[in-house]
Amino acid sequence: MTLKIIANKYEILAELGRGGMGRVYKVRHRELNKIYALKLLREHLVEDDNQVARFHSEARIMANL
């Protein structure tokens, strides 16, 4: 298995799901050795300011849970 790293911090352990906005991965923070869920916005949506704002809003809501 090839080790996949995101932002030089997170090791992808598994894909948890995917939808219209992006994909959610189970990741391990390489320095903290903690497990997180990490959602990545689909590449074609990063140019759409409304989609990026929606993504940020969702992230803030999830961070408060």
Protein backbone atom coordinates (compact mmCIF):
# COMPACT_ATOMS: atom_id res chain seq x y z
CA MET A 1 0.00 0.00 0.00
CA THR A 2 1.29 3.45 -0.91
CA LEU A 3 1.34 5.90 1.98
CA LYS A 4 -0.70 8.99 1.11
CA ILE A 5 0.01 12.22 2.98
CA ILE A 6 -2.02 15.45 2.92
CA ALA A 7 -0.42 18.83 3.72
CA ASN A 8 2.63 16.99 5.07
CA LYS A 9 0.61 16.39 8.28
CA TYR A 10 -2.09 13.80 7.74
CA GLU A 11 -1.71 10.18 6.74
CA ILE A 12 -4.80 8.84 4.98
CA LEU A 13 -6.01 5.66 6.68
CA ALA A 14 -9.31 5.17 4.83
CA GLU A 15 -11.93 6.90 2.74
CA LEU A 16 -15.06 7.24 4.86
CA GLY A 17 -17.37 8.70 2.26
CA ARG A 18 -17.87 10.97 -0.71
CA GLY A 19 -20.54 13.30 -1.90
CA GLY A 20 -21.23 16.26 -4.12
CA MET A 21 -18.87 18.61 -2.28
CA GLY A 22 -15.94 16.32 -1.62
CA ARG A 23 -14.55 13.30 0.15
CA VAL A 24 -14.14 12.49 3.83
CA TYR A 25 -11.10 10.57 5.00
CA LYS A 26 -10.06 8.95 8.24
CA VAL A 27 -6.58 10.40 8.82
CA ARG A 28 -3.83 10.29 11.42
CA HIS A 29 -2.02 13.50 12.35
CA ARG A 30 1.61 12.48 11.95
CA GLU A 31 3.02 14.58 14.82
CA LEU A 32 0.19 14.32 17.34
CA ASN A 33 -0.63 10.68 16.50
CA LYS A 34 -4.34 11.52 16.71
CA ILE A 35 -7.12 10.25 14.46
CA TYR A 36 -9.41 12.74 12.72
CA ALA A 37 -12.00 12.91 9.97
CA LEU A 38 -10.80 15.24 7.21
CA LYS A 39 -13.05 16.52 4.44
CA LEU A 40 -11.51 17.76 1.20
CA LEU A 41 -13.44 19.96 -1.19
CA ARG A 42 -13.57 18.77 -4.80
CA GLU A 43 -11.01 20.55 -6.95
CA HIS A 44 -13.51 22.10 -9.35
CA LEU A 45 -15.38 23.73 -6.44
CA VAL A 46 -12.43 25.66 -5.00
CA GLU A 47 -12.95 28.36 -7.65
CA ASP A 48 -16.59 28.87 -6.61
CA ASP A 49 -16.71 31.43 -3.77
CA ASN A 50 -20.22 30.33 -2.72
CA GLN A 51 -19.16 26.69 -2.43
CA VAL A 52 -16.02 27.61 -0.49
CA ALA A 53 -18.10 29.74 1.92
CA ARG A 54 -20.54 26.85 2.39
CA PHE A 55 -17.62 24.48 3.01
CA HIS A 56 -16.14 26.84 5.64
CA SER A 57 -19.54 27.24 7.32
CA GLU A 58 -19.93 23.46 7.52
CA ALA A 59 -16.42 23.12 8.95
CA ARG A 60 -17.14 25.68 11.69
CA ILE A 61 -20.37 23.89 12.62
CA MET A 62 -18.67 20.49 12.76
CA ALA A 63 -15.78 21.88 14.83
CA ASN A 64 -18.27 22.97 17.49
CA LEU A 65 -19.84 19.52 17.89
